[in-house]
Amino acid sequence: QVQLAESGPGLVKPSQTLSLTCTVSGESITTNDYHWSWIRQPPRKGLERIGYIDYSGSTYYSPSLKGRTTISRDTSKNQFTLQLSSVTPEDTAVYYCARVAAASWDHDRWGQGTLVTVSS
């Protein structure tokens, strides 16, 4: 079965770039059936969509974060990545990667989440 796991530094300094990697096992990230998404949850707040990369490599970003967000992939490693630039403490959150079914837009598989704290 498919599994997703986030990895990357848990502490980032303000103004720097937050970088995370999602490693996918059990399913190719190039299959036409799925897209691959980043979501976050700040403390005491709800889930917030960041963006996703589709099966062909096209990317889509939340309007509120579009100017600072880059999602990419490494198909040889079956990984996709998140880069969020110019971070502030408001970017502190638990960050999740997830699989999105292309036919239904259901986020049907999630990583365990990783807390990223933005602090000096």
C-alpha atoms as a PDB file:
ATOM      1  CA  GLN A   1       0.000   0.000   0.000  1.00  0.00           C
ATOM      2  CA  VAL A   2       1.066   3.566  -0.574  1.00  0.00           C
ATOM      3  CA  GLN A   3       2.909   5.381   2.198  1.00  0.00           C
ATOM      4  CA  LEU A   4       4.021   9.006   2.410  1.00  0.00           C
ATOM      5  CA  ALA A   5       6.620  10.453   4.755  1.00  0.00           C
ATOM      6  CA  GLU A   6       7.701  14.057   5.230  1.00  0.00           C
ATOM      7  CA  SER A   7      11.280  14.941   6.034  1.00  0.00           C
ATOM      8  CA  GLY A   8      13.321  18.082   6.494  1.00  0.00           C
ATOM      9  CA  PRO A   9      14.536  20.508   9.124  1.00  0.00           C
ATOM     10  CA  GLY A  10      12.203  21.182  12.015  1.00  0.00           C
ATOM     11  CA  LEU A  11      13.545  24.667  12.655  1.00  0.00           C
ATOM     12  CA  VAL A  12      13.929  27.455  10.106  1.00  0.00           C
ATOM     13  CA  LYS A  13      15.056  31.001  10.711  1.00  0.00           C
ATOM     14  CA  PRO A  14      12.931  33.972   9.647  1.00  0.00           C
ATOM     15  CA  SER A  15      13.590  35.162   6.088  1.00  0.00           C
ATOM     16  CA  GLN A  16      15.039  31.782   5.121  1.00  0.00           C
ATOM     17  CA  THR A  17      13.508  29.091   2.928  1.00  0.00           C
ATOM     18  CA  LEU A  18      11.544  26.202   4.355  1.00  0.00           C
ATOM     19  CA  SER A  19      12.342  22.994   2.462  1.00  0.00           C
ATOM     20  CA  LEU A  20      10.583  19.668   2.902  1.00  0.00           C
ATOM     21  CA  THR A  21      10.611  16.398   1.020  1.00  0.00           C
ATOM     22  CA  CYS A  22       7.825  13.853   0.736  1.00  0.00           C
ATOM     23  CA  THR A  23       8.979  10.335  -0.002  1.00  0.00           C
ATOM     24  CA  VAL A  24       6.312   8.130  -1.574  1.00  0.00           C
ATOM     25  CA  SER A  25       6.450   4.358  -1.520  1.00  0.00           C
ATOM     26  CA  GLY A  26       4.066   1.864  -3.055  1.00  0.00           C
ATOM     27  CA  GLU A  27       2.838   4.156  -5.841  1.00  0.00           C
ATOM     28  CA  SER A  28       4.583   6.024  -8.635  1.00  0.00           C
ATOM     29  CA  ILE A  29       4.120   9.787  -8.465  1.00  0.00           C
ATOM     30  CA  THR A  30       3.854   9.829 -12.254  1.00  0.00           C
ATOM     31  CA  THR A  31       0.740   7.680 -12.482  1.00  0.00           C
ATOM     32  CA  ASN A  32      -2.224   9.465 -14.073  1.00  0.00           C
ATOM     33  CA  ASP A  33      -4.510   8.494 -11.200  1.00  0.00           C
ATOM     34  CA  TYR A  34      -3.125  10.867  -8.587  1.00  0.00           C
ATOM     35  CA  HIS A  35      -1.806  14.317  -7.737  1.00  0.00           C
ATOM     36  CA  TRP A  36       0.510  15.114  -4.866  1.00  0.00           C
ATOM     37  CA  SER A  37      -0.317  17.812  -2.362  1.00  0.00           C
ATOM     38  CA  TRP A  38       1.156  19.867   0.458  1.00  0.00           C
ATOM     39  CA  ILE A  39      -1.083  21.000   3.320  1.00  0.00           C
ATOM     40  CA  ARG A  40      -0.294  22.681   6.616  1.00  0.00           C
ATOM     41  CA  GLN A  41      -1.945  23.314   9.963  1.00  0.00           C
ATOM     42  CA  PRO A  42      -0.739  26.240  12.082  1.00  0.00           C
ATOM     43  CA  PRO A  43      -1.183  25.989  15.855  1.00  0.00           C
ATOM     44  CA  ARG A  44      -4.833  26.343  16.878  1.00  0.00           C
ATOM     45  CA  LYS A  45      -5.912  26.726  13.262  1.00  0.00           C
ATOM     46  CA  GLY A  46      -7.427  24.541  10.592  1.00  0.00           C
ATOM     47  CA  LEU A  47      -5.878  22.826   7.624  1.00  0.00           C
ATOM     48  CA  GLU A  48      -4.614  25.101   4.869  1.00  0.00           C
ATOM     49  CA  ARG A  49      -3.911  23.992   1.330  1.00  0.00           C
ATOM     50  CA  ILE A  50      -0.500  25.009   0.059  1.00  0.00           C
ATOM     51  CA  GLY A  51      -0.525  23.527  -3.413  1.00  0.00           C
ATOM     52  CA  TYR A  52       0.037  20.402  -5.420  1.00  0.00           C
ATOM     53  CA  ILE A  53       1.902  18.920  -8.318  1.00  0.00           C
ATOM     54  CA  ASP A  54      -0.064  16.792 -10.734  1.00  0.00           C
ATOM     55  CA  TYR A  55       0.947  13.561 -12.375  1.00  0.00           C
ATOM     56  CA  SER A  56       2.499  15.387 -15.338  1.00  0.00           C
ATOM     57  CA  GLY A  57       4.516  17.814 -13.205  1.00  0.00           C
ATOM     58  CA  SER A  58       2.255  20.852 -13.467  1.00  0.00           C
ATOM     59  CA  THR A  59       1.972  22.843 -10.250  1.00  0.00           C
ATOM     60  CA  TYR A  60      -0.859  24.753  -8.612  1.00  0.00           C
ATOM     61  CA  TYR A  61      -0.542  27.028  -5.593  1.00  0.00           C
ATOM     62  CA  SER A  62      -2.813  28.663  -3.067  1.00  0.00           C
ATOM     63  CA  PRO A  63      -3.253  32.311  -4.084  1.00  0.00           C
ATOM     64  CA  SER A  64      -2.150  33.473  -0.642  1.00  0.00           C
ATOM     65  CA  LEU A  65       1.151  31.608  -0.906  1.00  0.00           C
ATOM     66  CA  LYS A  66       1.778  31.508  -4.647  1.00  0.00           C
ATOM     67  CA  GLY A  67       4.520  34.111  -4.632  1.00  0.00           C
ATOM     68  CA  ARG A  68       6.592  32.203  -2.089  1.00  0.00           C
ATOM     69  CA  THR A  69       5.876  28.577  -2.976  1.00  0.00           C
ATOM     70  CA  THR A  70       7.652  26.124  -5.215  1.00  0.00           C
ATOM     71  CA  ILE A  71       6.619  22.487  -5.501  1.00  0.00           C
ATOM     72  CA  SER A  72       8.793  20.166  -7.520  1.00  0.00           C
ATOM     73  CA  ARG A  73       9.480  16.479  -7.922  1.00  0.00           C
ATOM     74  CA  ASP A  74      12.254  13.990  -8.434  1.00  0.00           C
ATOM     75  CA  THR A  75      10.729  11.067 -10.255  1.00  0.00           C
ATOM     76  CA  SER A  76      13.884   8.970  -9.987  1.00  0.00           C
ATOM     77  CA  LYS A  77      13.508   9.021  -6.204  1.00  0.00           C
ATOM     78  CA  ASN A  78       9.699   9.050  -6.218  1.00  0.00           C
ATOM     79  CA  GLN A  79       9.757  12.224  -4.147  1.00  0.00           C
ATOM     80  CA  PHE A  80       8.140  15.615  -4.302  1.00  0.00           C
ATOM     81  CA  THR A  81       9.293  18.699  -2.461  1.00  0.00           C
ATOM     82  CA  LEU A  82       8.094  21.950  -0.968  1.00  0.00           C
ATOM     83  CA  GLN A  83      10.033  25.177  -0.802  1.00  0.00           C
ATOM     84  CA  LEU A  84       8.500  28.153   0.972  1.00  0.00           C
ATOM     85  CA  SER A  85      10.651  31.249   0.865  1.00  0.00           C
ATOM     86  CA  SER A  86      10.869  34.319   3.095  1.00  0.00           C
ATOM     87  CA  VAL A  87       9.305  32.575   6.042  1.00  0.00           C
ATOM     88  CA  THR A  88       8.031  34.302   9.169  1.00  0.00           C
ATOM     89  CA  PRO A  89       6.780  32.902  12.486  1.00  0.00           C
ATOM     90  CA  GLU A  90       3.303  32.839  10.901  1.00  0.00           C
ATOM     91  CA  ASP A  91       4.542  29.940   8.769  1.00  0.00           C
ATOM     92  CA  THR A  92       5.061  27.757  11.835  1.00  0.00           C
ATOM     93  CA  ALA A  93       2.830  24.735  11.332  1.00  0.00           C
ATOM     94  CA  VAL A  94       2.575  21.010  11.001  1.00  0.00           C
ATOM     95  CA  TYR A  95       3.218  20.302   7.336  1.00  0.00           C
ATOM     96  CA  TYR A  96       1.649  17.318   5.607  1.00  0.00           C
ATOM     97  CA  CYS A  97       2.058  15.737   2.228  1.00  0.00           C
ATOM     98  CA  ALA A  98      -0.884  13.849   0.790  1.00  0.00           C
ATOM     99  CA  ARG A  99      -2.053  11.895  -2.221  1.00  0.00           C
ATOM    100  CA  VAL A 100      -5.018  13.299  -4.129  1.00  0.00           C
ATOM    101  CA  ALA A 101      -7.200  11.092  -6.287  1.00  0.00           C
ATOM    102  CA  ALA A 102      -7.516  12.749  -9.686  1.00  0.00           C
ATOM    103  CA  ALA A 103     -11.044  11.501 -10.269  1.00  0.00           C
ATOM    104  CA  SER A 104     -12.544  12.645  -6.955  1.00  0.00           C
ATOM    105  CA  TRP A 105     -10.092  15.162  -5.460  1.00  0.00           C
ATOM    106  CA  ASP A 106     -10.157  13.122  -2.278  1.00  0.00           C
ATOM    107  CA  HIS A 107      -7.038  13.371  -0.131  1.00  0.00           C
ATOM    108  CA  ASP A 108      -6.975   9.653   0.465  1.00  0.00           C
ATOM    109  CA  ARG A 109      -3.482   9.129   1.886  1.00  0.00           C
ATOM    110  CA  TRP A 110      -1.511  11.363   4.238  1.00  0.00           C
ATOM    111  CA  GLY A 111       1.937  11.479   5.690  1.00  0.00           C
ATOM    112  CA  GLN A 112       2.288  11.629   9.437  1.00  0.00           C
ATOM    113  CA  GLY A 113       3.039  15.352   9.375  1.00  0.00           C
ATOM    114  CA  THR A 114       6.128  17.197  10.511  1.00  0.00           C
ATOM    115  CA  LEU A 115       6.273  20.283  12.702  1.00  0.00           C
ATOM    116  CA  VAL A 116       8.293  23.152  11.283  1.00  0.00           C
ATOM    117  CA  THR A 117       9.001  26.035  13.627  1.00  0.00           C
ATOM    118  CA  VAL A 118      10.096  29.404  12.287  1.00  0.00           C
ATOM    119  CA  SER A 119      12.120  31.130  14.960  1.00  0.00           C
ATOM    120  CA  SER A 120      15.385  32.929  15.457  1.00  0.00           C
END
